[in-house]
Amino acid sequence: MLTYTTLASGSSGNCAVVSCGDTHLLVDAGISARRITVALKSLGIAPKELGGVLITHEHSDHISGLATLVKQLGLPVYATTPTLEQLCCRVPLLEHSCRAFAPGDGFPVGALW
């Protein structure tokens, strides 16, 4: 079963998690890594179970927790090439975690496509 759970939404930060079975993909990381971790644990998801982070765009209310999350968990970061280019300028050491996809294309993450 596919679920989409909003962890935060609004100008102070945006973050959600899409899950299918044991596969979990974070959508945006616009709140602190600590807040993301607490929210995931309340859903019964260990942060290390994340298959990656999908970044919709590079505004701060969508990426503010990204650097810490990637540093702590070594997660792949999925985004379009232009978004990844902007992210790599703003988030240190991100280039090794980048996974680009073209707008409108899908990509696999565990049980998700």
PDB file of N, CA and C in Angstrom:
ATOM      1  N   MET A   1       0.840  -1.171   0.000  1.00  0.00           N
ATOM      2  CA  MET A   1       0.000   0.000   0.000  1.00  0.00           C
ATOM      3  C   MET A   1       0.894   1.245   0.000  1.00  0.00           C
ATOM      4  N   LEU A   2       0.549   2.194  -0.830  1.00  0.00           N
ATOM      5  CA  LEU A   2       1.277   3.453  -0.937  1.00  0.00           C
ATOM      6  C   LEU A   2       0.678   4.455   0.039  1.00  0.00           C
ATOM      7  N   THR A   3       1.551   5.110   0.815  1.00  0.00           N
ATOM      8  CA  THR A   3       1.086   6.165   1.718  1.00  0.00           C
ATOM      9  C   THR A   3       1.926   7.413   1.496  1.00  0.00           C
ATOM     10  N   TYR A   4       1.301   8.564   1.706  1.00  0.00           N
ATOM     11  CA  TYR A   4       1.961   9.861   1.630  1.00  0.00           C
ATOM     12  C   TYR A   4       1.611  10.589   2.919  1.00  0.00           C
ATOM     13  N   THR A   5       2.614  10.894   3.713  1.00  0.00           N
ATOM     14  CA  THR A   5       2.387  11.533   5.001  1.00  0.00           C
ATOM     15  C   THR A   5       3.127  12.858   5.051  1.00  0.00           C
ATOM     16  N   THR A   6       2.406  13.934   5.307  1.00  0.00           N
ATOM     17  CA  THR A   6       3.005  15.252   5.429  1.00  0.00           C
ATOM     18  C   THR A   6       3.606  15.395   6.823  1.00  0.00           C
ATOM     19  N   LEU A   7       4.891  15.729   6.885  1.00  0.00           N
ATOM     20  CA  LEU A   7       5.564  15.972   8.154  1.00  0.00           C
ATOM     21  C   LEU A   7       5.551  17.453   8.505  1.00  0.00           C
ATOM     22  N   ALA A   8       5.555  18.309   7.494  1.00  0.00           N
ATOM     23  CA  ALA A   8       5.485  19.765   7.679  1.00  0.00           C
ATOM     24  C   ALA A   8       5.079  20.390   6.359  1.00  0.00           C
ATOM     25  N   SER A   9       4.295  21.468   6.457  1.00  0.00           N
ATOM     26  CA  SER A   9       3.863  22.150   5.245  1.00  0.00           C
ATOM     27  C   SER A   9       3.631  23.617   5.545  1.00  0.00           C
ATOM     28  N   GLY A  10       4.242  24.471   4.762  1.00  0.00           N
ATOM     29  CA  GLY A  10       4.060  25.899   4.938  1.00  0.00           C
ATOM     30  C   GLY A  10       5.353  26.649   4.721  1.00  0.00           C
ATOM     31  N   SER A  11       5.298  27.958   4.889  1.00  0.00           N
ATOM     32  CA  SER A  11       6.467  28.795   4.629  1.00  0.00           C
ATOM     33  C   SER A  11       7.606  28.540   5.611  1.00  0.00           C
ATOM     34  N   SER A  12       7.312  27.915   6.757  1.00  0.00           N
ATOM     35  CA  SER A  12       8.377  27.610   7.720  1.00  0.00           C
ATOM     36  C   SER A  12       9.054  26.279   7.429  1.00  0.00           C
ATOM     37  N   GLY A  13       8.564  25.525   6.452  1.00  0.00           N
ATOM     38  CA  GLY A  13       9.223  24.288   6.073  1.00  0.00           C
ATOM     39  C   GLY A  13       8.276  23.264   5.499  1.00  0.00           C
ATOM     40  N   ASN A  14       8.779  22.505   4.529  1.00  0.00           N
ATOM     41  CA  ASN A  14       7.991  21.478   3.854  1.00  0.00           C
ATOM     42  C   ASN A  14       8.739  20.160   3.857  1.00  0.00           C
ATOM     43  N   CYS A  15       8.014  19.099   4.192  1.00  0.00           N
ATOM     44  CA  CYS A  15       8.624  17.784   4.237  1.00  0.00           C
ATOM     45  C   CYS A  15       7.510  16.741   4.283  1.00  0.00           C
ATOM     46  N   ALA A  16       7.686  15.653   3.551  1.00  0.00           N
ATOM     47  CA  ALA A  16       6.720  14.559   3.548  1.00  0.00           C
ATOM     48  C   ALA A  16       7.482  13.259   3.348  1.00  0.00           C
ATOM     49  N   VAL A  17       6.803  12.160   3.575  1.00  0.00           N
ATOM     50  CA  VAL A  17       7.400  10.856   3.312  1.00  0.00           C
ATOM     51  C   VAL A  17       6.399  10.016   2.529  1.00  0.00           C
ATOM     52  N   VAL A  18       6.902   9.401   1.449  1.00  0.00           N
ATOM     53  CA  VAL A  18       6.123   8.474   0.644  1.00  0.00           C
ATOM     54  C   VAL A  18       6.633   7.079   0.983  1.00  0.00           C
ATOM     55  N   SER A  19       5.709   6.185   1.286  1.00  0.00           N
ATOM     56  CA  SER A  19       6.103   4.829   1.671  1.00  0.00           C
ATOM     57  C   SER A  19       5.313   3.801   0.881  1.00  0.00           C
ATOM     58  N   CYS A  20       5.974   2.711   0.583  1.00  0.00           N
ATOM     59  CA  CYS A  20       5.346   1.544  -0.024  1.00  0.00           C
ATOM     60  C   CYS A  20       6.061   0.338   0.569  1.00  0.00           C
ATOM     61  N   GLY A  21       5.381  -0.365   1.453  1.00  0.00           N
ATOM     62  CA  GLY A  21       6.028  -1.480   2.147  1.00  0.00           C
ATOM     63  C   GLY A  21       7.181  -0.967   2.987  1.00  0.00           C
ATOM     64  N   ASP A  22       8.355  -1.543   2.762  1.00  0.00           N
ATOM     65  CA  ASP A  22       9.548  -1.155   3.516  1.00  0.00           C
ATOM     66  C   ASP A  22      10.349  -0.052   2.829  1.00  0.00           C
ATOM     67  N   THR A  23       9.831   0.509   1.743  1.00  0.00           N
ATOM     68  CA  THR A  23      10.517   1.579   1.024  1.00  0.00           C
ATOM     69  C   THR A  23       9.942   2.923   1.464  1.00  0.00           C
ATOM     70  N   HIS A  24      10.834   3.834   1.829  1.00  0.00           N
ATOM     71  CA  HIS A  24      10.428   5.162   2.293  1.00  0.00           C
ATOM     72  C   HIS A  24      11.285   6.214   1.591  1.00  0.00           C
ATOM     73  N   LEU A  25      10.635   7.197   0.987  1.00  0.00           N
ATOM     74  CA  LEU A  25      11.320   8.278   0.286  1.00  0.00           C
ATOM     75  C   LEU A  25      10.853   9.596   0.880  1.00  0.00           C
ATOM     76  N   LEU A  26      11.800  10.381   1.346  1.00  0.00           N
ATOM     77  CA  LEU A  26      11.479  11.705   1.872  1.00  0.00           C
ATOM     78  C   LEU A  26      11.264  12.647   0.691  1.00  0.00           C
ATOM     79  N   VAL A  27      10.232  13.460   0.756  1.00  0.00           N
ATOM     80  CA  VAL A  27       9.976  14.471  -0.271  1.00  0.00           C
ATOM     81  C   VAL A  27      10.229  15.823   0.373  1.00  0.00           C
ATOM     82  N   ASP A  28      11.324  16.421  -0.014  1.00  0.00           N
ATOM     83  CA  ASP A  28      11.812  17.684   0.538  1.00  0.00           C
ATOM     84  C   ASP A  28      12.295  17.497   1.986  1.00  0.00           C
ATOM     85  N   ALA A  29      13.137  18.423   2.409  1.00  0.00           N
ATOM     86  CA  ALA A  29      13.722  18.376   3.757  1.00  0.00           C
ATOM     87  C   ALA A  29      13.811  19.805   4.278  1.00  0.00           C
ATOM     88  N   GLY A  30      12.667  20.468   4.321  1.00  0.00           N
ATOM     89  CA  GLY A  30      12.626  21.879   4.667  1.00  0.00           C
ATOM     90  C   GLY A  30      12.491  22.185   6.139  1.00  0.00           C
ATOM     91  N   ILE A  31      12.662  21.171   6.975  1.00  0.00           N
ATOM     92  CA  ILE A  31      12.684  21.354   8.425  1.00  0.00           C
ATOM     93  C   ILE A  31      13.971  20.726   8.936  1.00  0.00           C
ATOM     94  N   SER A  32      14.292  20.940  10.185  1.00  0.00           N
ATOM     95  CA  SER A  32      15.562  20.441  10.711  1.00  0.00           C
ATOM     96  C   SER A  32      15.635  18.920  10.645  1.00  0.00           C
ATOM     97  N   ALA A  33      16.835  18.410  10.531  1.00  0.00           N
ATOM     98  CA  ALA A  33      17.046  16.961  10.518  1.00  0.00           C
ATOM     99  C   ALA A  33      16.516  16.342  11.809  1.00  0.00           C
ATOM    100  N   ARG A  34      16.669  17.034  12.918  1.00  0.00           N
ATOM    101  CA  ARG A  34      16.157  16.538  14.203  1.00  0.00           C
ATOM    102  C   ARG A  34      14.633  16.390  14.147  1.00  0.00           C
ATOM    103  N   ARG A  35      13.959  17.404  13.608  1.00  0.00           N
ATOM    104  CA  ARG A  35      12.495  17.359  13.510  1.00  0.00           C
ATOM    105  C   ARG A  35      12.042  16.263  12.548  1.00  0.00           C
ATOM    106  N   ILE A  36      12.766  16.082  11.464  1.00  0.00           N
ATOM    107  CA  ILE A  36      12.462  15.007  10.507  1.00  0.00           C
ATOM    108  C   ILE A  36      12.616  13.653  11.193  1.00  0.00           C
ATOM    109  N   THR A  37      13.712  13.478  11.909  1.00  0.00           N
ATOM    110  CA  THR A  37      13.977  12.220  12.597  1.00  0.00           C
ATOM    111  C   THR A  37      12.888  11.891  13.609  1.00  0.00           C
ATOM    112  N   VAL A  38      12.494  12.879  14.404  1.00  0.00           N
ATOM    113  CA  VAL A  38      11.436  12.673  15.400  1.00  0.00           C
ATOM    114  C   VAL A  38      10.125  12.291  14.707  1.00  0.00           C
ATOM    115  N   ALA A  39       9.785  12.996  13.635  1.00  0.00           N
ATOM    116  CA  ALA A  39       8.537  12.716  12.917  1.00  0.00           C
ATOM    117  C   ALA A  39       8.551  11.317  12.301  1.00  0.00           C
ATOM    118  N   LEU A  40       9.678  10.930  11.710  1.00  0.00           N
ATOM    119  CA  LEU A  40       9.783   9.591  11.128  1.00  0.00           C
ATOM    120  C   LEU A  40       9.631   8.519  12.201  1.00  0.00           C
ATOM    121  N   LYS A  41      10.317   8.704  13.317  1.00  0.00           N
ATOM    122  CA  LYS A  41      10.224   7.720  14.399  1.00  0.00           C
ATOM    123  C   LYS A  41       8.797   7.597  14.919  1.00  0.00           C
ATOM    124  N   SER A  42       8.054   8.707  14.949  1.00  0.00           N
ATOM    125  CA  SER A  42       6.660   8.642  15.401  1.00  0.00           C
ATOM    126  C   SER A  42       5.792   7.835  14.440  1.00  0.00           C
ATOM    127  N   LEU A  43       6.249   7.698  13.186  1.00  0.00           N
ATOM    128  CA  LEU A  43       5.553   6.873  12.193  1.00  0.00           C
ATOM    129  C   LEU A  43       6.068   5.438  12.172  1.00  0.00           C
ATOM    130  N   GLY A  44       7.048   5.156  13.015  1.00  0.00           N
ATOM    131  CA  GLY A  44       7.642   3.826  13.044  1.00  0.00           C
ATOM    132  C   GLY A  44       8.690   3.606  11.966  1.00  0.00           C
ATOM    133  N   ILE A  45       9.230   4.693  11.444  1.00  0.00           N
ATOM    134  CA  ILE A  45      10.258   4.621  10.399  1.00  0.00           C
ATOM    135  C   ILE A  45      11.583   5.083  10.984  1.00  0.00           C
ATOM    136  N   ALA A  46      12.571   4.217  10.969  1.00  0.00           N
ATOM    137  CA  ALA A  46      13.917   4.615  11.388  1.00  0.00           C
ATOM    138  C   ALA A  46      14.527   5.435  10.255  1.00  0.00           C
ATOM    139  N   PRO A  47      15.152   6.565  10.557  1.00  0.00           N
ATOM    140  CA  PRO A  47      15.743   7.399   9.501  1.00  0.00           C
ATOM    141  C   PRO A  47      16.678   6.625   8.569  1.00  0.00           C
ATOM    142  N   LYS A  48      17.397   5.642   9.090  1.00  0.00           N
ATOM    143  CA  LYS A  48      18.316   4.867   8.251  1.00  0.00           C
ATOM    144  C   LYS A  48      17.577   3.994   7.237  1.00  0.00           C
ATOM    145  N   GLU A  49      16.245   3.860   7.385  1.00  0.00           N
ATOM    146  CA  GLU A  49      15.435   3.093   6.441  1.00  0.00           C
ATOM    147  C   GLU A  49      15.056   3.909   5.200  1.00  0.00           C
ATOM    148  N   LEU A  50      15.335   5.209   5.203  1.00  0.00           N
ATOM    149  CA  LEU A  50      15.008   6.041   4.041  1.00  0.00           C
ATOM    150  C   LEU A  50      15.811   5.600   2.825  1.00  0.00           C
ATOM    151  N   GLY A  51      15.134   5.556   1.680  1.00  0.00           N
ATOM    152  CA  GLY A  51      15.810   5.216   0.437  1.00  0.00           C
ATOM    153  C   GLY A  51      16.413   6.416  -0.261  1.00  0.00           C
ATOM    154  N   GLY A  52      16.111   7.610   0.248  1.00  0.00           N
ATOM    155  CA  GLY A  52      16.645   8.828  -0.336  1.00  0.00           C
ATOM    156  C   GLY A  52      15.740  10.007  -0.050  1.00  0.00           C
ATOM    157  N   VAL A  53      16.112  11.140  -0.658  1.00  0.00           N
ATOM    158  CA  VAL A  53      15.348  12.381  -0.520  1.00  0.00           C
ATOM    159  C   VAL A  53      15.092  12.931  -1.916  1.00  0.00           C
ATOM    160  N   LEU A  54      13.832  13.183  -2.221  1.00  0.00           N
ATOM    161  CA  LEU A  54      13.456  13.836  -3.465  1.00  0.00           C
ATOM    162  C   LEU A  54      13.281  15.318  -3.164  1.00  0.00           C
ATOM    163  N   ILE A  55      14.038  16.162  -3.847  1.00  0.00           N
ATOM    164  CA  ILE A  55      13.934  17.615  -3.652  1.00  0.00           C
ATOM    165  C   ILE A  55      13.170  18.202  -4.836  1.00  0.00           C
ATOM    166  N   THR A  56      12.058  18.850  -4.538  1.00  0.00           N
ATOM    167  CA  THR A  56      11.221  19.411  -5.598  1.00  0.00           C
ATOM    168  C   THR A  56      11.808  20.686  -6.183  1.00  0.00           C
ATOM    169  N   HIS A  57      12.417  21.511  -5.341  1.00  0.00           N
ATOM    170  CA  HIS A  57      13.119  22.713  -5.781  1.00  0.00           C
ATOM    171  C   HIS A  57      13.970  23.231  -4.627  1.00  0.00           C
ATOM    172  N   GLU A  58      14.853  24.173  -4.927  1.00  0.00           N
ATOM    173  CA  GLU A  58      15.918  24.532  -3.986  1.00  0.00           C
ATOM    174  C   GLU A  58      15.598  25.665  -3.025  1.00  0.00           C
ATOM    175  N   HIS A  59      14.345  26.056  -2.871  1.00  0.00           N
ATOM    176  CA  HIS A  59      14.012  27.099  -1.887  1.00  0.00           C
ATOM    177  C   HIS A  59      14.316  26.598  -0.478  1.00  0.00           C
ATOM    178  N   SER A  60      14.708  27.513   0.406  1.00  0.00           N
ATOM    179  CA  SER A  60      15.138  27.124   1.750  1.00  0.00           C
ATOM    180  C   SER A  60      14.063  26.386   2.537  1.00  0.00           C
ATOM    181  N   ASP A  61      12.794  26.674   2.285  1.00  0.00           N
ATOM    182  CA  ASP A  61      11.735  25.965   3.022  1.00  0.00           C
ATOM    183  C   ASP A  61      11.528  24.536   2.508  1.00  0.00           C
ATOM    184  N   HIS A  62      12.386  24.107   1.562  1.00  0.00           N
ATOM    185  CA  HIS A  62      12.356  22.737   1.056  1.00  0.00           C
ATOM    186  C   HIS A  62      13.684  22.011   1.271  1.00  0.00           C
ATOM    187  N   ILE A  63      14.727  22.747   1.709  1.00  0.00           N
ATOM    188  CA  ILE A  63      16.053  22.108   1.833  1.00  0.00           C
ATOM    189  C   ILE A  63      16.779  22.398   3.145  1.00  0.00           C
ATOM    190  N   SER A  64      16.192  23.120   4.075  1.00  0.00           N
ATOM    191  CA  SER A  64      16.950  23.579   5.248  1.00  0.00           C
ATOM    192  C   SER A  64      17.548  22.452   6.091  1.00  0.00           C
ATOM    193  N   GLY A  65      16.965  21.270   6.086  1.00  0.00           N
ATOM    194  CA  GLY A  65      17.516  20.150   6.855  1.00  0.00           C
ATOM    195  C   GLY A  65      18.330  19.181   6.016  1.00  0.00           C
ATOM    196  N   LEU A  66      18.482  19.475   4.731  1.00  0.00           N
ATOM    197  CA  LEU A  66      19.118  18.535   3.807  1.00  0.00           C
ATOM    198  C   LEU A  66      20.577  18.255   4.127  1.00  0.00           C
ATOM    199  N   ALA A  67      21.368  19.270   4.357  1.00  0.00           N
ATOM    200  CA  ALA A  67      22.813  19.075   4.587  1.00  0.00           C
ATOM    201  C   ALA A  67      23.066  18.135   5.766  1.00  0.00           C
ATOM    202  N   THR A  68      22.403  18.381   6.870  1.00  0.00           N
ATOM    203  CA  THR A  68      22.604  17.544   8.060  1.00  0.00           C
ATOM    204  C   THR A  68      22.112  16.132   7.808  1.00  0.00           C
ATOM    205  N   LEU A  69      20.968  15.993   7.170  1.00  0.00           N
ATOM    206  CA  LEU A  69      20.404  14.676   6.896  1.00  0.00           C
ATOM    207  C   LEU A  69      21.333  13.849   6.006  1.00  0.00           C
ATOM    208  N   VAL A  70      21.838  14.463   4.943  1.00  0.00           N
ATOM    209  CA  VAL A  70      22.743  13.753   4.035  1.00  0.00           C
ATOM    210  C   VAL A  70      24.046  13.406   4.745  1.00  0.00           C
ATOM    211  N   LYS A  71      24.554  14.331   5.546  1.00  0.00           N
ATOM    212  CA  LYS A  71      25.800  14.080   6.278  1.00  0.00           C
ATOM    213  C   LYS A  71      25.630  12.932   7.272  1.00  0.00           C
ATOM    214  N   GLN A  72      24.514  12.925   7.994  1.00  0.00           N
ATOM    215  CA  GLN A  72      24.293  11.897   9.011  1.00  0.00           C
ATOM    216  C   GLN A  72      23.967  10.530   8.420  1.00  0.00           C
ATOM    217  N   LEU A  73      23.179  10.512   7.339  1.00  0.00           N
ATOM    218  CA  LEU A  73      22.654   9.247   6.829  1.00  0.00           C
ATOM    219  C   LEU A  73      23.231   8.813   5.486  1.00  0.00           C
ATOM    220  N   GLY A  74      23.950   9.707   4.801  1.00  0.00           N
ATOM    221  CA  GLY A  74      24.514   9.358   3.499  1.00  0.00           C
ATOM    222  C   GLY A  74      23.463   9.033   2.450  1.00  0.00           C
ATOM    223  N   LEU A  75      22.340   9.724   2.495  1.00  0.00           N
ATOM    224  CA  LEU A  75      21.223   9.445   1.589  1.00  0.00           C
ATOM    225  C   LEU A  75      21.464   9.954   0.175  1.00  0.00           C
ATOM    226  N   PRO A  76      20.975   9.230  -0.832  1.00  0.00           N
ATOM    227  CA  PRO A  76      20.973   9.794  -2.174  1.00  0.00           C
ATOM    228  C   PRO A  76      19.941  10.915  -2.256  1.00  0.00           C
ATOM    229  N   VAL A  77      20.239  11.913  -3.071  1.00  0.00           N
ATOM    230  CA  VAL A  77      19.348  13.058  -3.254  1.00  0.00           C
ATOM    231  C   VAL A  77      18.905  13.076  -4.712  1.00  0.00           C
ATOM    232  N   TYR A  78      17.604  12.962  -4.932  1.00  0.00           N
ATOM    233  CA  TYR A  78      17.015  12.937  -6.264  1.00  0.00           C
ATOM    234  C   TYR A  78      16.436  14.303  -6.590  1.00  0.00           C
ATOM    235  N   ALA A  79      16.753  14.809  -7.774  1.00  0.00           N
ATOM    236  CA  ALA A  79      16.220  16.091  -8.238  1.00  0.00           C
ATOM    237  C   ALA A  79      16.555  16.236  -9.715  1.00  0.00           C
ATOM    238  N   THR A  80      15.932  17.211 -10.348  1.00  0.00           N
ATOM    239  CA  THR A  80      16.278  17.501 -11.739  1.00  0.00           C
ATOM    240  C   THR A  80      17.688  18.093 -11.780  1.00  0.00           C
ATOM    241  N   THR A  81      18.314  18.034 -12.925  1.00  0.00           N
ATOM    242  CA  THR A  81      19.682  18.545 -13.066  1.00  0.00           C
ATOM    243  C   THR A  81      19.804  20.015 -12.663  1.00  0.00           C
ATOM    244  N   PRO A  82      18.912  20.914 -13.117  1.00  0.00           N
ATOM    245  CA  PRO A  82      19.051  22.310 -12.686  1.00  0.00           C
ATOM    246  C   PRO A  82      18.928  22.480 -11.168  1.00  0.00           C
ATOM    247  N   THR A  83      18.039  21.725 -10.555  1.00  0.00           N
ATOM    248  CA  THR A  83      17.894  21.812  -9.100  1.00  0.00           C
ATOM    249  C   THR A  83      19.149  21.290  -8.410  1.00  0.00           C
ATOM    250  N   LEU A  84      19.686  20.184  -8.892  1.00  0.00           N
ATOM    251  CA  LEU A  84      20.916  19.642  -8.293  1.00  0.00           C
ATOM    252  C   LEU A  84      22.083  20.611  -8.442  1.00  0.00           C
ATOM    253  N   GLU A  85      22.168  21.286  -9.571  1.00  0.00           N
ATOM    254  CA  GLU A  85      23.245  22.271  -9.758  1.00  0.00           C
ATOM    255  C   GLU A  85      23.155  23.369  -8.703  1.00  0.00           C
ATOM    256  N   GLN A  86      21.950  23.847  -8.446  1.00  0.00           N
ATOM    257  CA  GLN A  86      21.758  24.872  -7.410  1.00  0.00           C
ATOM    258  C   GLN A  86      22.050  24.307  -6.019  1.00  0.00           C
ATOM    259  N   LEU A  87      21.608  23.083  -5.763  1.00  0.00           N
ATOM    260  CA  LEU A  87      21.835  22.468  -4.456  1.00  0.00           C
ATOM    261  C   LEU A  87      23.320  22.288  -4.172  1.00  0.00           C
ATOM    262  N   CYS A  88      24.072  21.869  -5.177  1.00  0.00           N
ATOM    263  CA  CYS A  88      25.509  21.643  -4.985  1.00  0.00           C
ATOM    264  C   CYS A  88      26.249  22.936  -4.655  1.00  0.00           C
ATOM    265  N   CYS A  89      25.707  24.073  -5.093  1.00  0.00           N
ATOM    266  CA  CYS A  89      26.295  25.370  -4.747  1.00  0.00           C
ATOM    267  C   CYS A  89      25.957  25.767  -3.309  1.00  0.00           C
ATOM    268  N   ARG A  90      24.878  25.248  -2.772  1.00  0.00           N
ATOM    269  CA  ARG A  90      24.382  25.671  -1.458  1.00  0.00           C
ATOM    270  C   ARG A  90      24.611  24.655  -0.345  1.00  0.00           C
ATOM    271  N   VAL A  91      24.763  23.381  -0.700  1.00  0.00           N
ATOM    272  CA  VAL A  91      24.898  22.323   0.307  1.00  0.00           C
ATOM    273  C   VAL A  91      26.267  21.669   0.143  1.00  0.00           C
ATOM    274  N   PRO A  92      27.137  21.798   1.161  1.00  0.00           N
ATOM    275  CA  PRO A  92      28.483  21.240   1.049  1.00  0.00           C
ATOM    276  C   PRO A  92      28.486  19.717   0.899  1.00  0.00           C
ATOM    277  N   LEU A  93      29.411  19.222   0.089  1.00  0.00           N
ATOM    278  CA  LEU A  93      29.664  17.793  -0.096  1.00  0.00           C
ATOM    279  C   LEU A  93      28.478  17.016  -0.640  1.00  0.00           C
ATOM    280  N   LEU A  94      27.593  17.672  -1.340  1.00  0.00           N
ATOM    281  CA  LEU A  94      26.393  17.013  -1.845  1.00  0.00           C
ATOM    282  C   LEU A  94      26.631  16.283  -3.165  1.00  0.00           C
ATOM    283  N   GLU A  95      27.633  16.711  -3.933  1.00  0.00           N
ATOM    284  CA  GLU A  95      27.795  16.185  -5.291  1.00  0.00           C
ATOM    285  C   GLU A  95      27.904  14.664  -5.365  1.00  0.00           C
ATOM    286  N   HIS A  96      28.395  14.001  -4.323  1.00  0.00           N
ATOM    287  CA  HIS A  96      28.523  12.537  -4.342  1.00  0.00           C
ATOM    288  C   HIS A  96      27.194  11.834  -4.096  1.00  0.00           C
ATOM    289  N   SER A  97      26.204  12.563  -3.626  1.00  0.00           N
ATOM    290  CA  SER A  97      24.901  11.978  -3.301  1.00  0.00           C
ATOM    291  C   SER A  97      23.855  12.234  -4.378  1.00  0.00           C
ATOM    292  N   CYS A  98      24.195  13.009  -5.401  1.00  0.00           N
ATOM    293  CA  CYS A  98      23.216  13.466  -6.392  1.00  0.00           C
ATOM    294  C   CYS A  98      22.785  12.360  -7.348  1.00  0.00           C
ATOM    295  N   ARG A  99      21.482  12.320  -7.591  1.00  0.00           N
ATOM    296  CA  ARG A  99      20.889  11.414  -8.564  1.00  0.00           C
ATOM    297  C   ARG A  99      19.919  12.239  -9.408  1.00  0.00           C
ATOM    298  N   ALA A 100      20.327  12.553 -10.626  1.00  0.00           N
ATOM    299  CA  ALA A 100      19.519  13.418 -11.494  1.00  0.00           C
ATOM    300  C   ALA A 100      18.474  12.614 -12.261  1.00  0.00           C
ATOM    301  N   PHE A 101      17.352  13.277 -12.520  1.00  0.00           N
ATOM    302  CA  PHE A 101      16.343  12.729 -13.413  1.00  0.00           C
ATOM    303  C   PHE A 101      15.747  13.877 -14.205  1.00  0.00           C
ATOM    304  N   ALA A 102      15.204  13.556 -15.370  1.00  0.00           N
ATOM    305  CA  ALA A 102      14.608  14.582 -16.237  1.00  0.00           C
ATOM    306  C   ALA A 102      13.175  14.853 -15.796  1.00  0.00           C
ATOM    307  N   PRO A 103      12.730  16.103 -15.923  1.00  0.00           N
ATOM    308  CA  PRO A 103      11.336  16.409 -15.582  1.00  0.00           C
ATOM    309  C   PRO A 103      10.384  15.491 -16.349  1.00  0.00           C
ATOM    310  N   GLY A 104       9.427  14.935 -15.641  1.00  0.00           N
ATOM    311  CA  GLY A 104       8.457  14.038 -16.249  1.00  0.00           C
ATOM    312  C   GLY A 104       8.879  12.584 -16.277  1.00  0.00           C
ATOM    313  N   ASP A 105      10.168  12.303 -16.023  1.00  0.00           N
ATOM    314  CA  ASP A 105      10.648  10.927 -15.980  1.00  0.00           C
ATOM    315  C   ASP A 105      10.462  10.357 -14.578  1.00  0.00           C
ATOM    316  N   GLY A 106      10.360   9.056 -14.509  1.00  0.00           N
ATOM    317  CA  GLY A 106      10.318   8.365 -13.231  1.00  0.00           C
ATOM    318  C   GLY A 106      11.684   7.799 -12.905  1.00  0.00           C
ATOM    319  N   PHE A 107      11.831   7.323 -11.691  1.00  0.00           N
ATOM    320  CA  PHE A 107      13.067   6.670 -11.279  1.00  0.00           C
ATOM    321  C   PHE A 107      12.727   5.697 -10.156  1.00  0.00           C
ATOM    322  N   PRO A 108      13.456   4.588 -10.061  1.00  0.00           N
ATOM    323  CA  PRO A 108      13.152   3.600  -9.033  1.00  0.00           C
ATOM    324  C   PRO A 108      13.848   3.894  -7.710  1.00  0.00           C
ATOM    325  N   VAL A 109      13.110   3.680  -6.641  1.00  0.00           N
ATOM    326  CA  VAL A 109      13.674   3.675  -5.289  1.00  0.00           C
ATOM    327  C   VAL A 109      12.966   2.533  -4.567  1.00  0.00           C
ATOM    328  N   GLY A 110      13.637   1.414  -4.435  1.00  0.00           N
ATOM    329  CA  GLY A 110      13.017   0.250  -3.809  1.00  0.00           C
ATOM    330  C   GLY A 110      11.720  -0.126  -4.511  1.00  0.00           C
ATOM    331  N   ALA A 111      10.621  -0.192  -3.755  1.00  0.00           N
ATOM    332  CA  ALA A 111       9.311  -0.556  -4.294  1.00  0.00           C
ATOM    333  C   ALA A 111       8.585   0.622  -4.937  1.00  0.00           C
ATOM    334  N   LEU A 112       9.198   1.787  -4.928  1.00  0.00           N
ATOM    335  CA  LEU A 112       8.576   2.980  -5.507  1.00  0.00           C
ATOM    336  C   LEU A 112       9.123   3.254  -6.908  1.00  0.00           C
ATOM    337  N   TRP A 113       8.282   3.857  -7.751  1.00  0.00           N
ATOM    338  CA  TRP A 113       8.713   4.323  -9.072  1.00  0.00           C
ATOM    339  C   TRP A 113       8.109   5.672  -9.291  1.00  0.00           C
TER     340      TRP A 113
END
